[in-house]
Protein backbone atom coordinates (compact mmCIF):
# COMPACT_ATOMS: atom_id res chain seq x y z
CA MET A 1 -20.77 -41.36 63.87
CA GLU A 2 -19.63 -40.58 67.40
CA LEU A 3 -21.44 -42.46 70.14
CA SER A 4 -22.62 -39.27 71.86
CA GLU A 5 -24.12 -37.97 68.60
CA LEU A 6 -25.77 -41.30 67.87
CA LYS A 7 -27.26 -41.50 71.37
CA LEU A 8 -28.65 -37.98 70.98
CA ARG A 9 -30.16 -38.73 67.57
CA ALA A 10 -31.60 -42.04 68.82
CA GLU A 11 -33.10 -40.29 71.84
CA GLN A 12 -34.72 -37.72 69.54
CA LYS A 13 -36.20 -40.51 67.41
CA LYS A 14 -37.09 -42.83 70.29
CA SER A 15 -40.83 -42.17 70.22
CA ASP A 16 -40.97 -42.44 66.42
CA PHE A 17 -38.98 -45.67 66.46
CA LYS A 18 -41.22 -47.15 69.18
CA ASN A 19 -44.28 -46.35 67.08
CA LEU A 20 -42.54 -47.88 64.09
CA SER A 21 -41.83 -51.05 66.09
CA VAL A 22 -45.55 -51.42 66.80
CA LYS A 23 -46.25 -51.24 63.05
CA LEU A 24 -43.43 -53.67 62.26
CA LYS A 25 -44.81 -56.26 64.69
CA LYS A 26 -48.01 -56.29 62.61
CA MET A 27 -46.15 -56.62 59.32
CA ASN A 28 -45.82 -59.89 57.42
CA LYS A 29 -42.85 -61.62 59.08
CA ARG A 30 -41.19 -62.71 55.85
CA LYS A 31 -41.54 -59.25 54.28
CA LEU A 32 -40.09 -57.69 57.41
CA ASP A 33 -37.12 -60.07 57.37
CA ASP A 34 -36.49 -59.39 53.69
CA LEU A 35 -36.72 -55.63 54.17
CA VAL A 36 -34.39 -55.57 57.18
CA GLN A 37 -31.89 -57.97 55.61
CA ASN A 38 -31.71 -55.94 52.41
CA LEU A 39 -31.10 -52.79 54.42
CA HIS A 40 -28.56 -54.64 56.56
CA TYR A 41 -26.42 -55.46 53.53
CA TYR A 42 -26.92 -52.02 52.02
CA TYR A 43 -25.73 -50.20 55.15
CA PHE A 44 -22.93 -52.66 55.88
CA ASP A 45 -21.55 -51.69 52.47
CA LYS A 46 -21.73 -48.01 53.45
CA PHE A 47 -20.36 -48.20 57.01
CA ASP A 48 -17.00 -49.53 58.12
CA CYS A 49 -17.29 -51.00 61.60
CA LEU A 50 -13.59 -50.27 62.15
CA ASN A 51 -14.46 -46.56 62.12
CA CYS A 52 -16.96 -47.08 64.93
CA ALA A 53 -16.56 -50.02 67.35
CA ASN A 54 -19.28 -48.56 69.60
CA CYS A 55 -20.50 -52.08 70.31
CA CYS A 56 -17.05 -53.16 71.49
CA ARG A 57 -16.72 -50.10 73.69
CA THR A 58 -20.12 -50.18 75.35
CA LEU A 59 -21.88 -53.55 75.03
CA GLY A 60 -20.66 -56.59 76.86
CA PRO A 61 -21.53 -59.81 75.05
CA ARG A 62 -22.95 -62.75 76.94
CA LEU A 63 -20.34 -65.49 76.60
CA SER A 64 -20.90 -69.21 76.28
CA SER A 65 -18.45 -71.85 77.45
CA ASN A 66 -17.73 -72.50 73.78
CA ASP A 67 -16.90 -68.80 73.24
CA ILE A 68 -14.53 -68.84 76.19
CA ASP A 69 -12.82 -72.04 75.00
CA LYS A 70 -12.33 -70.65 71.47
CA MET A 71 -10.87 -67.34 72.66
CA ALA A 72 -8.60 -69.11 75.15
CA LYS A 73 -7.34 -71.47 72.44
CA HIS A 74 -6.78 -68.51 70.10
CA LEU A 75 -4.63 -66.87 72.78
CA LYS A 76 -2.91 -70.20 73.56
CA MET A 77 -4.24 -70.19 77.10
CA LYS A 78 -6.11 -72.69 79.21
CA SER A 79 -9.79 -71.84 79.52
CA SER A 80 -9.49 -71.63 83.29
CA ALA A 81 -6.63 -69.11 83.09
CA PHE A 82 -8.50 -67.11 80.44
CA SER A 83 -11.63 -67.06 82.59
CA GLU A 84 -9.73 -65.97 85.67
CA LEU A 85 -8.10 -63.12 83.77
CA TYR A 86 -11.00 -61.86 81.63
CA ILE A 87 -14.37 -63.27 82.72
CA ARG A 88 -16.82 -62.66 85.54
CA ILE A 89 -20.35 -63.83 86.25
CA ASP A 90 -22.96 -61.07 86.24
CA GLU A 91 -26.07 -60.72 88.40
CA ASP A 92 -28.06 -62.88 85.95
CA GLY A 93 -25.51 -65.69 86.14
CA ASP A 94 -24.13 -65.00 82.66
CA TYR A 95 -20.47 -65.03 81.73
CA ILE A 96 -19.30 -61.57 80.64
CA PHE A 97 -16.01 -59.70 80.32
CA LYS A 98 -14.67 -58.20 83.54
CA SER A 99 -14.07 -54.85 81.89
CA MET A 100 -15.44 -52.60 79.19
CA PRO A 101 -14.48 -51.60 76.62
CA CYS A 102 -13.81 -55.12 75.45
CA PRO A 103 -10.35 -56.21 76.60
CA PHE A 104 -9.58 -57.35 73.04
CA LEU A 105 -10.42 -54.06 71.31
CA GLY A 106 -7.26 -52.43 70.01
CA ASP A 107 -6.56 -48.71 69.67
CA ASP A 108 -7.10 -49.17 65.93
CA ASN A 109 -10.56 -50.72 66.59
CA TYR A 110 -9.32 -54.13 65.46
CA CYS A 111 -10.25 -57.16 67.55
CA ALA A 112 -7.34 -59.20 68.90
CA VAL A 113 -9.48 -62.37 68.86
CA TYR A 114 -11.49 -61.59 65.71
CA GLU A 115 -11.23 -65.10 64.22
CA SER A 116 -12.50 -66.60 67.48
CA ARG A 117 -14.71 -63.75 68.73
CA PRO A 118 -17.86 -64.65 70.66
CA LYS A 119 -21.04 -65.62 68.83
CA ALA A 120 -22.81 -62.49 70.11
CA CYS A 121 -20.10 -60.34 68.50
CA ARG A 122 -20.16 -62.29 65.22
CA GLU A 123 -23.93 -61.85 64.94
CA TYR A 124 -24.19 -58.22 66.08
CA PRO A 125 -26.29 -56.20 65.30
CA HIS A 126 -28.53 -59.19 64.43
CA THR A 127 -30.22 -57.37 61.55
CA ASN A 128 -29.44 -60.11 59.01
CA GLN A 129 -31.22 -62.85 60.93
CA ARG A 130 -34.66 -64.31 60.40
CA ASN A 131 -37.54 -63.52 62.74
CA PHE A 132 -36.50 -59.91 63.20
CA TYR A 133 -39.85 -59.20 64.85
CA GLN A 134 -38.63 -61.24 67.85
CA ILE A 135 -35.73 -58.86 68.48
CA LEU A 136 -37.45 -55.54 67.76
CA ASN A 137 -37.00 -54.32 71.34
CA LEU A 138 -33.32 -55.26 71.33
CA SER A 139 -32.87 -53.59 67.94
CA LEU A 140 -34.64 -50.48 69.17
CA LYS A 141 -32.09 -50.31 71.99
CA ASN A 142 -29.28 -50.93 69.48
CA THR A 143 -30.22 -47.73 67.60
CA GLU A 144 -28.37 -45.97 70.44
CA THR A 145 -25.15 -47.90 69.82
CA CYS A 146 -24.97 -48.98 66.18
CA PRO A 147 -25.26 -46.44 63.36
CA ILE A 148 -26.31 -49.23 60.99
CA VAL A 149 -29.32 -50.12 63.13
CA PHE A 150 -30.19 -46.43 63.46
CA GLU A 151 -30.08 -46.04 59.66
CA ILE A 152 -32.14 -49.20 59.13
CA PHE A 153 -34.88 -47.90 61.42
CA THR A 154 -34.72 -44.47 59.78
CA GLU A 155 -35.01 -45.94 56.29
CA ILE A 156 -37.87 -48.24 57.23
CA GLU A 157 -39.65 -45.29 58.82
CA ASN A 158 -39.21 -43.32 55.58
CA GLN A 159 -40.51 -46.21 53.47
CA ILE A 160 -43.56 -46.85 55.63
CA LYS A 161 -44.72 -43.21 55.87
C-alpha cells in the first residue's frame, strides 16, 4: 500500500482507532497481547515488507551506542567515522540518522546493514511484544506508516464490534 493511501485511510479511521485504543486499555493485558501477536504473525505472512519500506523512508530510529558500533563494524568502519558520516544528535539528545530515508535503504527496499540493523528497526512495528497496552499510542501513530499495524487495528475493531 502506498504511503499516501495509507495515511489517508489512517486519517479516516483515526477517531475509530482512538476509541478502540480506549477499549483496548481496559482489556485483559494477556488477552490483548495474545490477540495482537496472533494478528502480527497472520499479517506478516500476508505482507512483504520489501514491497513497502515506509518505515525506512519516513521513521528515523533512535540509535544506541551498541547499534552504532554494530553497523560500523558491519561496514568495516570505526564507530567514530561512522557517526561522523551518518549520525546526528536530535533536540532530545538522541542519536539518529542525519538523513531520511534511511541511508542504508536500497532502491530495491533491501537494507544494506540488515544483519546489524538497529534494535528499533529489528523490533518494528512492535506488535509481537508483550505489554502492547503500553505502546498503544505509538501503535496508533504507526497505523499511518505500517500497513500491518493498520490491518491489525482494523481487524481488532471488527472483532470487538
